[in-house]
Amino acid sequence: MKIEFLYYEDCPSHDEALERLQGVMDEFKLDTPIEIVKVETDEQAVADHFIGSPTIRINGEDIAPPANEAEVYYSLTCRAYRLENGRISPLPSEEMIRQTFRRFIAIH
């Protein structure tokens, strides 16, 4: 399993998001290393398909993929997540992360 954590330093939520990711990995007893990528330029954002900080991908799949790929912009920006209750947050919920892990664990 490949786990990527991409972030932009100027967005304050990345430390807590990484802690959430690690906590959920502990729940699943996963010791897979996390590839942590600091995105520093707009060019890197485009190359890495970075839609905002923080971004978590499991086996290349974003834990909260955008609804309309045609409207996605890659840039140095903070990210907003729509939570299960409909609220907007700068952090993904632990449940979002869990659901993505469950899909990949069920496949394998």
N, C-alpha and C. Protein backbone atom coordinates (compact mmCIF):
# COMPACT_ATOMS: atom_id res chain seq x y z
N MET A 1 0.85 -1.18 0.00
CA MET A 1 0.00 0.00 0.00
C MET A 1 0.90 1.24 0.00
N LYS A 2 0.53 2.20 -0.82
CA LYS A 2 1.28 3.46 -0.87
C LYS A 2 0.42 4.55 -0.22
N ILE A 3 1.01 5.25 0.74
CA ILE A 3 0.31 6.31 1.45
C ILE A 3 1.10 7.60 1.25
N GLU A 4 0.43 8.61 0.69
CA GLU A 4 1.06 9.90 0.44
C GLU A 4 0.36 10.98 1.27
N PHE A 5 1.17 11.87 1.80
CA PHE A 5 0.66 13.02 2.54
C PHE A 5 1.34 14.24 1.94
N LEU A 6 0.57 15.07 1.25
CA LEU A 6 1.10 16.27 0.61
C LEU A 6 0.60 17.49 1.36
N TYR A 7 1.50 18.45 1.54
CA TYR A 7 1.09 19.65 2.28
C TYR A 7 1.84 20.88 1.78
N TYR A 8 1.26 22.03 2.12
CA TYR A 8 1.83 23.34 1.84
C TYR A 8 2.08 23.99 3.20
N GLU A 9 3.29 24.41 3.43
CA GLU A 9 3.73 24.89 4.75
C GLU A 9 2.86 26.02 5.31
N ASP A 10 2.34 26.90 4.46
CA ASP A 10 1.58 28.05 4.94
C ASP A 10 0.16 27.69 5.41
N CYS A 11 -0.27 26.47 5.20
CA CYS A 11 -1.59 26.05 5.69
C CYS A 11 -1.41 25.41 7.06
N PRO A 12 -2.07 25.94 8.06
CA PRO A 12 -1.80 25.52 9.44
C PRO A 12 -2.36 24.15 9.83
N SER A 13 -3.18 23.54 9.02
CA SER A 13 -3.85 22.30 9.44
C SER A 13 -3.07 21.03 9.13
N HIS A 14 -1.93 21.14 8.48
CA HIS A 14 -1.26 19.91 8.04
C HIS A 14 -0.72 19.06 9.18
N ASP A 15 -0.24 19.67 10.27
CA ASP A 15 0.27 18.86 11.39
C ASP A 15 -0.83 17.99 11.99
N GLU A 16 -1.98 18.58 12.23
CA GLU A 16 -3.09 17.83 12.81
C GLU A 16 -3.61 16.77 11.85
N ALA A 17 -3.61 17.08 10.56
CA ALA A 17 -4.06 16.10 9.57
C ALA A 17 -3.12 14.89 9.55
N LEU A 18 -1.82 15.14 9.64
CA LEU A 18 -0.86 14.04 9.67
C LEU A 18 -1.07 13.19 10.93
N GLU A 19 -1.35 13.83 12.05
CA GLU A 19 -1.63 13.09 13.29
C GLU A 19 -2.88 12.22 13.13
N ARG A 20 -3.91 12.74 12.47
CA ARG A 20 -5.13 11.96 12.23
C ARG A 20 -4.82 10.75 11.36
N LEU A 21 -4.05 10.98 10.30
CA LEU A 21 -3.68 9.88 9.41
C LEU A 21 -2.94 8.80 10.18
N GLN A 22 -1.96 9.20 10.97
CA GLN A 22 -1.18 8.23 11.74
C GLN A 22 -2.06 7.50 12.76
N GLY A 23 -3.00 8.22 13.37
CA GLY A 23 -3.91 7.60 14.33
C GLY A 23 -4.78 6.53 13.69
N VAL A 24 -5.30 6.82 12.51
CA VAL A 24 -6.13 5.84 11.81
C VAL A 24 -5.27 4.66 11.36
N MET A 25 -4.07 4.93 10.92
CA MET A 25 -3.17 3.83 10.55
C MET A 25 -2.91 2.93 11.76
N ASP A 26 -2.75 3.51 12.93
CA ASP A 26 -2.56 2.72 14.15
C ASP A 26 -3.79 1.84 14.42
N GLU A 27 -4.99 2.39 14.20
CA GLU A 27 -6.22 1.61 14.40
C GLU A 27 -6.22 0.36 13.51
N PHE A 28 -5.74 0.53 12.28
CA PHE A 28 -5.71 -0.56 11.31
C PHE A 28 -4.43 -1.40 11.43
N LYS A 29 -3.58 -1.03 12.38
CA LYS A 29 -2.30 -1.71 12.60
C LYS A 29 -1.45 -1.74 11.32
N LEU A 30 -1.42 -0.59 10.66
CA LEU A 30 -0.63 -0.44 9.43
C LEU A 30 0.71 0.18 9.77
N ASP A 31 1.77 -0.45 9.33
CA ASP A 31 3.10 0.12 9.57
C ASP A 31 3.74 0.59 8.27
N THR A 32 2.91 0.80 7.26
CA THR A 32 3.37 1.30 5.97
C THR A 32 3.96 2.70 6.14
N PRO A 33 5.13 2.96 5.56
CA PRO A 33 5.66 4.32 5.68
C PRO A 33 4.79 5.32 4.92
N ILE A 34 4.73 6.51 5.45
CA ILE A 34 3.99 7.60 4.80
C ILE A 34 4.99 8.41 4.00
N GLU A 35 4.70 8.59 2.72
CA GLU A 35 5.52 9.45 1.88
C GLU A 35 5.04 10.89 2.10
N ILE A 36 5.83 11.67 2.79
CA ILE A 36 5.46 13.05 3.11
C ILE A 36 6.09 13.98 2.08
N VAL A 37 5.25 14.75 1.40
CA VAL A 37 5.70 15.62 0.32
C VAL A 37 5.35 17.07 0.66
N LYS A 38 6.37 17.89 0.80
CA LYS A 38 6.17 19.32 1.01
C LYS A 38 6.12 19.97 -0.37
N VAL A 39 4.98 20.55 -0.70
CA VAL A 39 4.79 21.20 -2.00
C VAL A 39 5.18 22.66 -1.84
N GLU A 40 6.16 23.08 -2.65
CA GLU A 40 6.75 24.41 -2.44
C GLU A 40 6.58 25.38 -3.60
N THR A 41 6.21 24.90 -4.77
CA THR A 41 6.05 25.79 -5.92
C THR A 41 4.77 25.44 -6.67
N ASP A 42 4.28 26.40 -7.44
CA ASP A 42 3.11 26.11 -8.27
C ASP A 42 3.42 25.04 -9.30
N GLU A 43 4.65 25.02 -9.80
CA GLU A 43 5.05 24.00 -10.77
C GLU A 43 5.00 22.60 -10.14
N GLN A 44 5.46 22.50 -8.91
CA GLN A 44 5.40 21.23 -8.20
C GLN A 44 3.94 20.84 -7.93
N ALA A 45 3.11 21.83 -7.59
CA ALA A 45 1.69 21.56 -7.36
C ALA A 45 1.04 20.95 -8.59
N VAL A 46 1.35 21.49 -9.75
CA VAL A 46 0.80 20.95 -11.00
C VAL A 46 1.35 19.55 -11.24
N ALA A 47 2.65 19.37 -11.10
CA ALA A 47 3.27 18.07 -11.35
C ALA A 47 2.73 16.99 -10.42
N ASP A 48 2.45 17.37 -9.17
CA ASP A 48 1.97 16.41 -8.16
C ASP A 48 0.44 16.32 -8.10
N HIS A 49 -0.26 17.04 -8.98
CA HIS A 49 -1.72 17.09 -8.95
C HIS A 49 -2.22 17.43 -7.54
N PHE A 50 -1.65 18.49 -7.00
CA PHE A 50 -1.90 18.93 -5.64
C PHE A 50 -3.06 19.91 -5.63
N ILE A 51 -4.19 19.51 -5.02
CA ILE A 51 -5.37 20.38 -5.03
C ILE A 51 -5.52 21.17 -3.74
N GLY A 52 -4.57 21.03 -2.84
CA GLY A 52 -4.60 21.83 -1.62
C GLY A 52 -4.06 21.06 -0.43
N SER A 53 -3.73 21.82 0.59
CA SER A 53 -3.11 21.27 1.79
C SER A 53 -4.11 21.16 2.92
N PRO A 54 -4.14 19.99 3.53
CA PRO A 54 -3.40 18.77 3.27
C PRO A 54 -4.13 17.87 2.28
N THR A 55 -3.38 17.07 1.56
CA THR A 55 -3.93 16.07 0.66
C THR A 55 -3.40 14.71 1.10
N ILE A 56 -4.29 13.76 1.22
CA ILE A 56 -3.91 12.39 1.57
C ILE A 56 -4.37 11.48 0.44
N ARG A 57 -3.44 10.65 -0.03
CA ARG A 57 -3.76 9.68 -1.08
C ARG A 57 -3.34 8.29 -0.62
N ILE A 58 -4.18 7.34 -0.91
CA ILE A 58 -3.88 5.95 -0.63
C ILE A 58 -3.92 5.21 -1.97
N ASN A 59 -2.79 4.61 -2.30
CA ASN A 59 -2.63 3.96 -3.61
C ASN A 59 -3.05 4.90 -4.74
N GLY A 60 -2.68 6.16 -4.60
CA GLY A 60 -2.96 7.15 -5.64
C GLY A 60 -4.35 7.75 -5.59
N GLU A 61 -5.22 7.24 -4.72
CA GLU A 61 -6.60 7.73 -4.64
C GLU A 61 -6.73 8.76 -3.52
N ASP A 62 -7.20 9.94 -3.89
CA ASP A 62 -7.46 10.98 -2.90
C ASP A 62 -8.57 10.51 -1.97
N ILE A 63 -8.42 10.76 -0.67
CA ILE A 63 -9.45 10.31 0.28
C ILE A 63 -10.76 11.08 0.11
N ALA A 64 -10.70 12.24 -0.55
CA ALA A 64 -11.90 13.04 -0.80
C ALA A 64 -11.77 13.64 -2.20
N PRO A 65 -11.94 12.81 -3.22
CA PRO A 65 -11.73 13.31 -4.58
C PRO A 65 -12.71 14.42 -4.93
N PRO A 66 -12.26 15.38 -5.73
CA PRO A 66 -13.15 16.47 -6.13
C PRO A 66 -14.31 15.93 -6.96
N ALA A 67 -15.45 16.58 -6.82
CA ALA A 67 -16.66 16.15 -7.53
C ALA A 67 -16.52 16.31 -9.05
N ASN A 68 -15.83 17.36 -9.46
CA ASN A 68 -15.71 17.64 -10.89
C ASN A 68 -14.24 17.85 -11.25
N GLU A 69 -13.60 16.83 -11.77
CA GLU A 69 -12.18 16.91 -12.12
C GLU A 69 -11.89 18.05 -13.11
N ALA A 70 -12.85 18.40 -13.94
CA ALA A 70 -12.63 19.44 -14.95
C ALA A 70 -12.45 20.81 -14.31
N GLU A 71 -12.92 20.97 -13.08
CA GLU A 71 -12.81 22.26 -12.41
C GLU A 71 -11.70 22.31 -11.37
N VAL A 72 -10.80 21.34 -11.39
CA VAL A 72 -9.73 21.26 -10.41
C VAL A 72 -8.55 22.13 -10.85
N TYR A 73 -8.03 22.89 -9.89
CA TYR A 73 -6.84 23.70 -10.12
C TYR A 73 -5.76 23.23 -9.16
N TYR A 74 -4.57 23.07 -9.69
CA TYR A 74 -3.44 22.65 -8.88
C TYR A 74 -2.62 23.87 -8.51
N SER A 75 -2.52 24.13 -7.21
CA SER A 75 -1.77 25.31 -6.78
C SER A 75 -1.45 25.23 -5.30
N LEU A 76 -0.63 26.17 -4.85
CA LEU A 76 -0.30 26.28 -3.43
C LEU A 76 -1.47 26.94 -2.73
N THR A 77 -2.27 26.12 -2.09
CA THR A 77 -3.47 26.62 -1.44
C THR A 77 -3.85 25.70 -0.29
N CYS A 78 -4.68 26.21 0.58
CA CYS A 78 -5.22 25.39 1.66
C CYS A 78 -6.47 24.68 1.12
N ARG A 79 -6.73 23.55 1.67
CA ARG A 79 -7.83 22.73 1.20
C ARG A 79 -9.01 22.78 2.15
N ALA A 80 -10.19 22.61 1.61
CA ALA A 80 -11.40 22.52 2.43
C ALA A 80 -12.05 21.17 2.16
N TYR A 81 -12.46 20.51 3.23
CA TYR A 81 -13.12 19.20 3.13
C TYR A 81 -14.57 19.35 3.55
N ARG A 82 -15.45 18.66 2.84
CA ARG A 82 -16.86 18.62 3.26
C ARG A 82 -17.01 17.37 4.12
N LEU A 83 -17.35 17.60 5.38
CA LEU A 83 -17.46 16.51 6.34
C LEU A 83 -18.78 15.76 6.17
N GLU A 84 -18.88 14.64 6.86
CA GLU A 84 -20.07 13.80 6.76
C GLU A 84 -21.35 14.54 7.15
N ASN A 85 -21.24 15.50 8.05
CA ASN A 85 -22.42 16.27 8.47
C ASN A 85 -22.69 17.49 7.58
N GLY A 86 -21.92 17.62 6.50
CA GLY A 86 -22.12 18.71 5.55
C GLY A 86 -21.30 19.95 5.83
N ARG A 87 -20.68 20.02 7.00
CA ARG A 87 -19.87 21.19 7.35
C ARG A 87 -18.56 21.17 6.57
N ILE A 88 -17.93 22.33 6.46
CA ILE A 88 -16.65 22.49 5.78
C ILE A 88 -15.56 22.57 6.84
N SER A 89 -14.44 21.90 6.58
CA SER A 89 -13.33 21.88 7.53
C SER A 89 -12.00 21.93 6.78
N PRO A 90 -10.97 22.51 7.39
CA PRO A 90 -9.64 22.48 6.77
C PRO A 90 -8.96 21.13 6.95
N LEU A 91 -9.61 20.23 7.68
CA LEU A 91 -9.06 18.90 7.95
C LEU A 91 -10.00 17.82 7.46
N PRO A 92 -9.45 16.72 6.95
CA PRO A 92 -10.32 15.58 6.66
C PRO A 92 -10.70 14.92 7.98
N SER A 93 -11.86 14.33 8.03
CA SER A 93 -12.27 13.63 9.24
C SER A 93 -11.54 12.29 9.32
N GLU A 94 -11.44 11.78 10.53
CA GLU A 94 -10.86 10.45 10.70
C GLU A 94 -11.67 9.42 9.92
N GLU A 95 -12.98 9.61 9.87
CA GLU A 95 -13.84 8.65 9.17
C GLU A 95 -13.56 8.65 7.66
N MET A 96 -13.28 9.79 7.07
CA MET A 96 -12.90 9.83 5.65
C MET A 96 -11.67 8.96 5.40
N ILE A 97 -10.71 9.11 6.28
CA ILE A 97 -9.47 8.34 6.15
C ILE A 97 -9.77 6.86 6.34
N ARG A 98 -10.56 6.51 7.36
CA ARG A 98 -10.92 5.11 7.62
C ARG A 98 -11.60 4.48 6.42
N GLN A 99 -12.57 5.20 5.84
CA GLN A 99 -13.32 4.64 4.72
C GLN A 99 -12.40 4.29 3.55
N THR A 100 -11.44 5.15 3.28
CA THR A 100 -10.53 4.87 2.18
C THR A 100 -9.67 3.66 2.49
N PHE A 101 -9.14 3.56 3.70
CA PHE A 101 -8.37 2.38 4.08
C PHE A 101 -9.23 1.12 3.98
N ARG A 102 -10.47 1.19 4.44
CA ARG A 102 -11.36 0.02 4.38
C ARG A 102 -11.52 -0.48 2.95
N ARG A 103 -11.68 0.44 2.01
CA ARG A 103 -11.83 0.04 0.60
C ARG A 103 -10.60 -0.72 0.12
N PHE A 104 -9.43 -0.23 0.45
CA PHE A 104 -8.21 -0.88 -0.03
C PHE A 104 -7.92 -2.18 0.71
N ILE A 105 -8.26 -2.23 1.97
CA ILE A 105 -8.03 -3.47 2.72
C ILE A 105 -9.00 -4.55 2.24
N ALA A 106 -10.24 -4.16 1.91
CA ALA A 106 -11.22 -5.13 1.42
C ALA A 106 -10.82 -5.68 0.06
N ILE A 107 -10.16 -4.87 -0.75
CA ILE A 107 -9.73 -5.30 -2.09
C ILE A 107 -8.64 -6.35 -1.99
N HIS A 108 -7.78 -6.20 -1.00
CA HIS A 108 -6.61 -7.08 -0.91
C HIS A 108 -6.89 -8.15 0.08
